[in-house]
Amino acid sequence: LPTSYRIDKNDDPTKDLSKDWFDLFEKDGSYYLEK
């Protein structure tokens, strides 16, 4: 989710996030997928 995450010693949920992921977003009542 596009939110804030607490980072523990062994747990960083954002570590795998890259530009290869997709963004599912809403615009004007419709939904789209983009890099």
ModelCIF file with pLDDT and N, C-alpha, C, O atoms, coordinates in Angstrom:
data_MODEL
#
_entry.id   MODEL 
#
_entity.id                         1 
_entity.type                       polymer 
_entity.pdbx_number_of_molecules   1 
#
_entity_poly.entity_id                      1 
_entity_poly.type                           'polypeptide(L)' 
_entity_poly.nstd_linkage                   no 
_entity_poly.nstd_monomer                   no 
_entity_poly.pdbx_seq_one_letter_code       LPTSYRIDKNDDPTKDLSKDWFDLFEKDGSYYLEK 
_entity_poly.pdbx_seq_one_letter_code_can   LPTSYRIDKNDDPTKDLSKDWFDLFEKDGSYYLEK 
_entity_poly.pdbx_strand_id                 A 
#
loop_
_entity_poly_seq.entity_id 
_entity_poly_seq.num 
_entity_poly_seq.mon_id 
_entity_poly_seq.hetero 
1 1  LEU n 
1 2  PRO n 
1 3  THR n 
1 4  SER n 
1 5  TYR n 
1 6  ARG n 
1 7  ILE n 
1 8  ASP n 
1 9  LYS n 
1 10 ASN n 
1 11 ASP n 
1 12 ASP n 
1 13 PRO n 
1 14 THR n 
1 15 LYS n 
1 16 ASP n 
1 17 LEU n 
1 18 SER n 
1 19 LYS n 
1 20 ASP n 
1 21 TRP n 
1 22 PHE n 
1 23 ASP n 
1 24 LEU n 
1 25 PHE n 
1 26 GLU n 
1 27 LYS n 
1 28 ASP n 
1 29 GLY n 
1 30 SER n 
1 31 TYR n 
1 32 TYR n 
1 33 LEU n 
1 34 GLU n 
1 35 LYS n 
#
_struct_asym.id          A 
_struct_asym.entity_id   1 
#
loop_
_ma_qa_metric.id 
_ma_qa_metric.mode 
_ma_qa_metric.name 
_ma_qa_metric.software_group_id 
_ma_qa_metric.type 
1 global pLDDT . pLDDT 
2 local  pLDDT . pLDDT 
#
_ma_qa_metric_global.metric_id      1 
_ma_qa_metric_global.metric_value   92.91 
_ma_qa_metric_global.model_id       1 
_ma_qa_metric_global.ordinal_id     1 
#
loop_
_ma_qa_metric_local.label_asym_id 
_ma_qa_metric_local.label_comp_id 
_ma_qa_metric_local.label_seq_id 
_ma_qa_metric_local.metric_id 
_ma_qa_metric_local.metric_value 
_ma_qa_metric_local.model_id 
_ma_qa_metric_local.ordinal_id 
A LEU 1  2 95.00 1 1  
A PRO 2  2 95.00 1 2  
A THR 3  2 95.00 1 3  
A SER 4  2 94.00 1 4  
A TYR 5  2 94.00 1 5  
A ARG 6  2 93.00 1 6  
A ILE 7  2 92.00 1 7  
A ASP 8  2 86.00 1 8  
A LYS 9  2 82.00 1 9  
A ASN 10 2 83.00 1 10 
A ASP 11 2 88.00 1 11 
A ASP 12 2 91.00 1 12 
A PRO 13 2 92.00 1 13 
A THR 14 2 93.00 1 14 
A LYS 15 2 91.00 1 15 
A ASP 16 2 90.00 1 16 
A LEU 17 2 94.00 1 17 
A SER 18 2 93.00 1 18 
A LYS 19 2 93.00 1 19 
A ASP 20 2 94.00 1 20 
A TRP 21 2 96.00 1 21 
A PHE 22 2 96.00 1 22 
A ASP 23 2 96.00 1 23 
A LEU 24 2 96.00 1 24 
A PHE 25 2 96.00 1 25 
A GLU 26 2 95.00 1 26 
A LYS 27 2 95.00 1 27 
A ASP 28 2 93.00 1 28 
A GLY 29 2 90.00 1 29 
A SER 30 2 93.00 1 30 
A TYR 31 2 95.00 1 31 
A TYR 32 2 96.00 1 32 
A LEU 33 2 96.00 1 33 
A GLU 34 2 96.00 1 34 
A LYS 35 2 95.00 1 35 
#
loop_
_atom_site.group_PDB 
_atom_site.id 
_atom_site.type_symbol 
_atom_site.label_atom_id 
_atom_site.label_alt_id 
_atom_site.label_comp_id 
_atom_site.label_asym_id 
_atom_site.label_entity_id 
_atom_site.label_seq_id 
_atom_site.pdbx_PDB_ins_code 
_atom_site.Cartn_x 
_atom_site.Cartn_y 
_atom_site.Cartn_z 
_atom_site.occupancy 
_atom_site.B_iso_or_equiv 
_atom_site.pdbx_formal_charge 
_atom_site.auth_seq_id 
_atom_site.auth_comp_id 
_atom_site.auth_asym_id 
_atom_site.auth_atom_id 
_atom_site.pdbx_PDB_model_num 
ATOM 1   N N  . LEU A 1 1  ? 0.851   -1.180 0.000   1.00 95.00 ? 1  LEU A N  1 
ATOM 2   C CA . LEU A 1 1  ? 0.000   0.000  0.000   1.00 95.00 ? 1  LEU A CA 1 
ATOM 3   C C  . LEU A 1 1  ? 0.890   1.235  0.000   1.00 95.00 ? 1  LEU A C  1 
ATOM 4   O O  . LEU A 1 1  ? 1.997   1.188  0.536   1.00 95.00 ? 1  LEU A O  1 
ATOM 5   N N  . PRO A 1 2  ? 0.441   2.326  -0.582  1.00 95.00 ? 2  PRO A N  1 
ATOM 6   C CA . PRO A 1 2  ? 1.235   3.562  -0.541  1.00 95.00 ? 2  PRO A CA 1 
ATOM 7   C C  . PRO A 1 2  ? 1.048   4.249  0.808   1.00 95.00 ? 2  PRO A C  1 
ATOM 8   O O  . PRO A 1 2  ? 0.245   5.173  0.941   1.00 95.00 ? 2  PRO A O  1 
ATOM 9   N N  . THR A 1 3  ? 1.789   3.792  1.793   1.00 95.00 ? 3  THR A N  1 
ATOM 10  C CA . THR A 1 3  ? 1.645   4.288  3.161   1.00 95.00 ? 3  THR A CA 1 
ATOM 11  C C  . THR A 1 3  ? 2.991   4.227  3.861   1.00 95.00 ? 3  THR A C  1 
ATOM 12  O O  . THR A 1 3  ? 4.008   3.927  3.236   1.00 95.00 ? 3  THR A O  1 
ATOM 13  N N  . SER A 1 4  ? 3.001   4.507  5.142   1.00 94.00 ? 4  SER A N  1 
ATOM 14  C CA . SER A 1 4  ? 4.218   4.486  5.934   1.00 94.00 ? 4  SER A CA 1 
ATOM 15  C C  . SER A 1 4  ? 4.359   3.131  6.633   1.00 94.00 ? 4  SER A C  1 
ATOM 16  O O  . SER A 1 4  ? 3.385   2.581  7.148   1.00 94.00 ? 4  SER A O  1 
ATOM 17  N N  . TYR A 1 5  ? 5.584   2.606  6.641   1.00 94.00 ? 5  TYR A N  1 
ATOM 18  C CA . TYR A 1 5  ? 5.866   1.306  7.254   1.00 94.00 ? 5  TYR A CA 1 
ATOM 19  C C  . TYR A 1 5  ? 6.923   1.467  8.336   1.00 94.00 ? 5  TYR A C  1 
ATOM 20  O O  . TYR A 1 5  ? 7.898   2.198  8.159   1.00 94.00 ? 5  TYR A O  1 
ATOM 21  N N  . ARG A 1 6  ? 6.725   0.782  9.456   1.00 93.00 ? 6  ARG A N  1 
ATOM 22  C CA . ARG A 1 6  ? 7.758   0.730  10.499  1.00 93.00 ? 6  ARG A CA 1 
ATOM 23  C C  . ARG A 1 6  ? 8.811   -0.276 10.066  1.00 93.00 ? 6  ARG A C  1 
ATOM 24  O O  . ARG A 1 6  ? 8.491   -1.363 9.586   1.00 93.00 ? 6  ARG A O  1 
ATOM 25  N N  . ILE A 1 7  ? 10.072  0.101  10.244  1.00 92.00 ? 7  ILE A N  1 
ATOM 26  C CA . ILE A 1 7  ? 11.172  -0.739 9.814   1.00 92.00 ? 7  ILE A CA 1 
ATOM 27  C C  . ILE A 1 7  ? 11.816  -1.368 11.046  1.00 92.00 ? 7  ILE A C  1 
ATOM 28  O O  . ILE A 1 7  ? 12.356  -0.676 11.909  1.00 92.00 ? 7  ILE A O  1 
ATOM 29  N N  . ASP A 1 8  ? 11.744  -2.699 11.105  1.00 86.00 ? 8  ASP A N  1 
ATOM 30  C CA . ASP A 1 8  ? 12.405  -3.444 12.180  1.00 86.00 ? 8  ASP A CA 1 
ATOM 31  C C  . ASP A 1 8  ? 13.770  -3.902 11.682  1.00 86.00 ? 8  ASP A C  1 
ATOM 32  O O  . ASP A 1 8  ? 14.125  -3.697 10.521  1.00 86.00 ? 8  ASP A O  1 
ATOM 33  N N  . LYS A 1 9  ? 14.526  -4.523 12.578  1.00 82.00 ? 9  LYS A N  1 
ATOM 34  C CA . LYS A 1 9  ? 15.871  -5.000 12.230  1.00 82.00 ? 9  LYS A CA 1 
ATOM 35  C C  . LYS A 1 9  ? 15.862  -5.892 10.990  1.00 82.00 ? 9  LYS A C  1 
ATOM 36  O O  . LYS A 1 9  ? 16.643  -5.683 10.062  1.00 82.00 ? 9  LYS A O  1 
ATOM 37  N N  . ASN A 1 10 ? 14.985  -6.877 10.981  1.00 83.00 ? 10 ASN A N  1 
ATOM 38  C CA . ASN A 1 10 ? 14.972  -7.857 9.901   1.00 83.00 ? 10 ASN A CA 1 
ATOM 39  C C  . ASN A 1 10 ? 13.781  -7.702 8.970   1.00 83.00 ? 10 ASN A C  1 
ATOM 40  O O  . ASN A 1 10 ? 13.547  -8.573 8.132   1.00 83.00 ? 10 ASN A O  1 
ATOM 41  N N  . ASP A 1 11 ? 13.028  -6.629 9.089   1.00 88.00 ? 11 ASP A N  1 
ATOM 42  C CA . ASP A 1 11 ? 11.804  -6.512 8.314   1.00 88.00 ? 11 ASP A CA 1 
ATOM 43  C C  . ASP A 1 11 ? 11.673  -5.111 7.713   1.00 88.00 ? 11 ASP A C  1 
ATOM 44  O O  . ASP A 1 11 ? 11.392  -4.140 8.415   1.00 88.00 ? 11 ASP A O  1 
ATOM 45  N N  . ASP A 1 12 ? 11.883  -5.031 6.404   1.00 91.00 ? 12 ASP A N  1 
ATOM 46  C CA . ASP A 1 12 ? 11.701  -3.792 5.662   1.00 91.00 ? 12 ASP A CA 1 
ATOM 47  C C  . ASP A 1 12 ? 10.801  -4.102 4.469   1.00 91.00 ? 12 ASP A C  1 
ATOM 48  O O  . ASP A 1 12 ? 11.286  -4.560 3.434   1.00 91.00 ? 12 ASP A O  1 
ATOM 49  N N  . PRO A 1 13 ? 9.494   -3.857 4.600   1.00 92.00 ? 13 PRO A N  1 
ATOM 50  C CA . PRO A 1 13 ? 8.567   -4.198 3.521   1.00 92.00 ? 13 PRO A CA 1 
ATOM 51  C C  . PRO A 1 13 ? 8.879   -3.500 2.203   1.00 92.00 ? 13 PRO A C  1 
ATOM 52  O O  . PRO A 1 13 ? 8.475   -3.985 1.146   1.00 92.00 ? 13 PRO A O  1 
ATOM 53  N N  . THR A 1 14 ? 9.579   -2.386 2.237   1.00 93.00 ? 14 THR A N  1 
ATOM 54  C CA . THR A 1 14 ? 9.848   -1.625 1.013   1.00 93.00 ? 14 THR A CA 1 
ATOM 55  C C  . THR A 1 14 ? 11.093  -2.106 0.267   1.00 93.00 ? 14 THR A C  1 
ATOM 56  O O  . THR A 1 14 ? 11.376  -1.608 -0.822  1.00 93.00 ? 14 THR A O  1 
ATOM 57  N N  . LYS A 1 15 ? 11.836  -3.052 0.820   1.00 91.00 ? 15 LYS A N  1 
ATOM 58  C CA . LYS A 1 15 ? 13.131  -3.432 0.232   1.00 91.00 ? 15 LYS A CA 1 
ATOM 59  C C  . LYS A 1 15 ? 13.009  -4.030 -1.170  1.00 91.00 ? 15 LYS A C  1 
ATOM 60  O O  . LYS A 1 15 ? 13.930  -3.880 -1.972  1.00 91.00 ? 15 LYS A O  1 
ATOM 61  N N  . ASP A 1 16 ? 11.905  -4.699 -1.487  1.00 90.00 ? 16 ASP A N  1 
ATOM 62  C CA . ASP A 1 16 ? 11.741  -5.329 -2.798  1.00 90.00 ? 16 ASP A CA 1 
ATOM 63  C C  . ASP A 1 16 ? 11.072  -4.414 -3.830  1.00 90.00 ? 16 ASP A C  1 
ATOM 64  O O  . ASP A 1 16 ? 11.011  -4.758 -5.010  1.00 90.00 ? 16 ASP A O  1 
ATOM 65  N N  . LEU A 1 17 ? 10.581  -3.276 -3.403  1.00 94.00 ? 17 LEU A N  1 
ATOM 66  C CA . LEU A 1 17 ? 9.878   -2.362 -4.294  1.00 94.00 ? 17 LEU A CA 1 
ATOM 67  C C  . LEU A 1 17 ? 10.840  -1.795 -5.335  1.00 94.00 ? 17 LEU A C  1 
ATOM 68  O O  . LEU A 1 17 ? 11.907  -1.283 -4.996  1.00 94.00 ? 17 LEU A O  1 
ATOM 69  N N  . SER A 1 18 ? 10.446  -1.895 -6.615  1.00 93.00 ? 18 SER A N  1 
ATOM 70  C CA . SER A 1 18 ? 11.296  -1.382 -7.687  1.00 93.00 ? 18 SER A CA 1 
ATOM 71  C C  . SER A 1 18 ? 10.416  -0.770 -8.778  1.00 93.00 ? 18 SER A C  1 
ATOM 72  O O  . SER A 1 18 ? 9.188   -0.826 -8.708  1.00 93.00 ? 18 SER A O  1 
ATOM 73  N N  . LYS A 1 19 ? 11.058  -0.194 -9.771  1.00 93.00 ? 19 LYS A N  1 
ATOM 74  C CA . LYS A 1 19 ? 10.343  0.417  -10.904 1.00 93.00 ? 19 LYS A CA 1 
ATOM 75  C C  . LYS A 1 19 ? 9.677   -0.641 -11.789 1.00 93.00 ? 19 LYS A C  1 
ATOM 76  O O  . LYS A 1 19 ? 8.896   -0.295 -12.675 1.00 93.00 ? 19 LYS A O  1 
ATOM 77  N N  . ASP A 1 20 ? 9.974   -1.920 -11.562 1.00 94.00 ? 20 ASP A N  1 
ATOM 78  C CA . ASP A 1 20 ? 9.330   -3.001 -12.318 1.00 94.00 ? 20 ASP A CA 1 
ATOM 79  C C  . ASP A 1 20 ? 7.940   -3.324 -11.779 1.00 94.00 ? 20 ASP A C  1 
ATOM 80  O O  . ASP A 1 20 ? 7.179   -4.044 -12.425 1.00 94.00 ? 20 ASP A O  1 
ATOM 81  N N  . TRP A 1 21 ? 7.603   -2.804 -10.613 1.00 96.00 ? 21 TRP A N  1 
ATOM 82  C CA . TRP A 1 21 ? 6.278   -3.036 -10.035 1.00 96.00 ? 21 TRP A CA 1 
ATOM 83  C C  . TRP A 1 21 ? 5.240   -2.241 -10.814 1.00 96.00 ? 21 TRP A C  1 
ATOM 84  O O  . TRP A 1 21 ? 5.570   -1.343 -11.588 1.00 96.00 ? 21 TRP A O  1 
ATOM 85  N N  . PHE A 1 22 ? 3.969   -2.595 -10.588 1.00 96.00 ? 22 PHE A N  1 
ATOM 86  C CA . PHE A 1 22 ? 2.864   -1.879 -11.221 1.00 96.00 ? 22 PHE A CA 1 
ATOM 87  C C  . PHE A 1 22 ? 2.115   -1.048 -10.200 1.00 96.00 ? 22 PHE A C  1 
ATOM 88  O O  . PHE A 1 22 ? 2.053   -1.389 -9.019  1.00 96.00 ? 22 PHE A O  1 
ATOM 89  N N  . ASP A 1 23 ? 1.548   0.045  -10.672 1.00 96.00 ? 23 ASP A N  1 
ATOM 90  C CA . ASP A 1 23 ? 0.751   0.957  -9.858  1.00 96.00 ? 23 ASP A CA 1 
ATOM 91  C C  . ASP A 1 23 ? -0.702  0.825  -10.303 1.00 96.00 ? 23 ASP A C  1 
ATOM 92  O O  . ASP A 1 23 ? -1.036  1.154  -11.441 1.00 96.00 ? 23 ASP A O  1 
ATOM 93  N N  . LEU A 1 24 ? -1.559  0.348  -9.418  1.00 96.00 ? 24 LEU A N  1 
ATOM 94  C CA . LEU A 1 24 ? -2.996  0.302  -9.680  1.00 96.00 ? 24 LEU A CA 1 
ATOM 95  C C  . LEU A 1 24 ? -3.575  1.575  -9.080  1.00 96.00 ? 24 LEU A C  1 
ATOM 96  O O  . LEU A 1 24 ? -3.506  1.785  -7.869  1.00 96.00 ? 24 LEU A O  1 
ATOM 97  N N  . PHE A 1 25 ? -4.147  2.427  -9.934  1.00 96.00 ? 25 PHE A N  1 
ATOM 98  C CA . PHE A 1 25 ? -4.639  3.709  -9.444  1.00 96.00 ? 25 PHE A CA 1 
ATOM 99  C C  . PHE A 1 25 ? -5.990  4.047  -10.057 1.00 96.00 ? 25 PHE A C  1 
ATOM 100 O O  . PHE A 1 25 ? -6.393  3.481  -11.073 1.00 96.00 ? 25 PHE A O  1 
ATOM 101 N N  . GLU A 1 26 ? -6.680  4.989  -9.410  1.00 95.00 ? 26 GLU A N  1 
ATOM 102 C CA . GLU A 1 26 ? -7.998  5.449  -9.848  1.00 95.00 ? 26 GLU A CA 1 
ATOM 103 C C  . GLU A 1 26 ? -7.860  6.860  -10.393 1.00 95.00 ? 26 GLU A C  1 
ATOM 104 O O  . GLU A 1 26 ? -7.189  7.709  -9.806  1.00 95.00 ? 26 GLU A O  1 
ATOM 105 N N  . LYS A 1 27 ? -8.515  7.097  -11.541 1.00 95.00 ? 27 LYS A N  1 
ATOM 106 C CA . LYS A 1 27 ? -8.523  8.429  -12.131 1.00 95.00 ? 27 LYS A CA 1 
ATOM 107 C C  . LYS A 1 27 ? -9.872  8.635  -12.807 1.00 95.00 ? 27 LYS A C  1 
ATOM 108 O O  . LYS A 1 27 ? -10.244 7.887  -13.712 1.00 95.00 ? 27 LYS A O  1 
ATOM 109 N N  . ASP A 1 28 ? -10.594 9.641  -12.367 1.00 93.00 ? 28 ASP A N  1 
ATOM 110 C CA . ASP A 1 28 ? -11.897 9.993  -12.937 1.00 93.00 ? 28 ASP A CA 1 
ATOM 111 C C  . ASP A 1 28 ? -12.877 8.822  -12.954 1.00 93.00 ? 28 ASP A C  1 
ATOM 112 O O  . ASP A 1 28 ? -13.620 8.640  -13.919 1.00 93.00 ? 28 ASP A O  1 
ATOM 113 N N  . GLY A 1 29 ? -12.874 8.025  -11.877 1.00 90.00 ? 29 GLY A N  1 
ATOM 114 C CA . GLY A 1 29 ? -13.812 6.910  -11.757 1.00 90.00 ? 29 GLY A CA 1 
ATOM 115 C C  . GLY A 1 29 ? -13.408 5.647  -12.483 1.00 90.00 ? 29 GLY A C  1 
ATOM 116 O O  . GLY A 1 29 ? -14.132 4.652  -12.430 1.00 90.00 ? 29 GLY A O  1 
ATOM 117 N N  . SER A 1 30 ? -12.269 5.658  -13.161 1.00 93.00 ? 30 SER A N  1 
ATOM 118 C CA . SER A 1 30 ? -11.771 4.465  -13.843 1.00 93.00 ? 30 SER A CA 1 
ATOM 119 C C  . SER A 1 30 ? -10.464 4.027  -13.192 1.00 93.00 ? 30 SER A C  1 
ATOM 120 O O  . SER A 1 30 ? -9.814  4.803  -12.491 1.00 93.00 ? 30 SER A O  1 
ATOM 121 N N  . TYR A 1 31 ? -10.087 2.771  -13.435 1.00 95.00 ? 31 TYR A N  1 
ATOM 122 C CA . TYR A 1 31 ? -8.878  2.213  -12.834 1.00 95.00 ? 31 TYR A CA 1 
ATOM 123 C C  . TYR A 1 31 ? -7.881  1.877  -13.929 1.00 95.00 ? 31 TYR A C  1 
ATOM 124 O O  . TYR A 1 31 ? -8.249  1.448  -15.023 1.00 95.00 ? 31 TYR A O  1 
ATOM 125 N N  . TYR A 1 32 ? -6.588  2.086  -13.602 1.00 96.00 ? 32 TYR A N  1 
ATOM 126 C CA . TYR A 1 32 ? -5.527  1.895  -14.566 1.00 96.00 ? 32 TYR A CA 1 
ATOM 127 C C  . TYR A 1 32 ? -4.339  1.202  -13.916 1.00 96.00 ? 32 TYR A C  1 
ATOM 128 O O  . TYR A 1 32 ? -4.134  1.277  -12.704 1.00 96.00 ? 32 TYR A O  1 
ATOM 129 N N  . LEU A 1 33 ? -3.557  0.521  -14.759 1.00 96.00 ? 33 LEU A N  1 
ATOM 130 C CA . LEU A 1 33 ? -2.284  -0.059 -14.361 1.00 96.00 ? 33 LEU A CA 1 
ATOM 131 C C  . LEU A 1 33 ? -1.184  0.606  -15.166 1.00 96.00 ? 33 LEU A C  1 
ATOM 132 O O  . LEU A 1 33 ? -1.272  0.716  -16.389 1.00 96.00 ? 33 LEU A O  1 
ATOM 133 N N  . GLU A 1 34 ? -0.150  1.046  -14.472 1.00 96.00 ? 34 GLU A N  1 
ATOM 134 C CA . GLU A 1 34 ? 1.036   1.600  -15.119 1.00 96.00 ? 34 GLU A CA 1 
ATOM 135 C C  . GLU A 1 34 ? 2.241   1.143  -14.317 1.00 96.00 ? 34 GLU A C  1 
ATOM 136 O O  . GLU A 1 34 ? 2.115   0.700  -13.176 1.00 96.00 ? 34 GLU A O  1 
ATOM 137 N N  . LYS A 1 35 ? 3.406   1.256  -14.930 1.00 95.00 ? 35 LYS A N  1 
ATOM 138 C CA . LYS A 1 35 ? 4.622   0.976  -14.176 1.00 95.00 ? 35 LYS A CA 1 
ATOM 139 C C  . LYS A 1 35 ? 4.701   1.969  -13.011 1.00 95.00 ? 35 LYS A C  1 
ATOM 140 O O  . LYS A 1 35 ? 5.649   1.927  -12.227 1.00 95.00 ? 35 LYS A O  1 
#
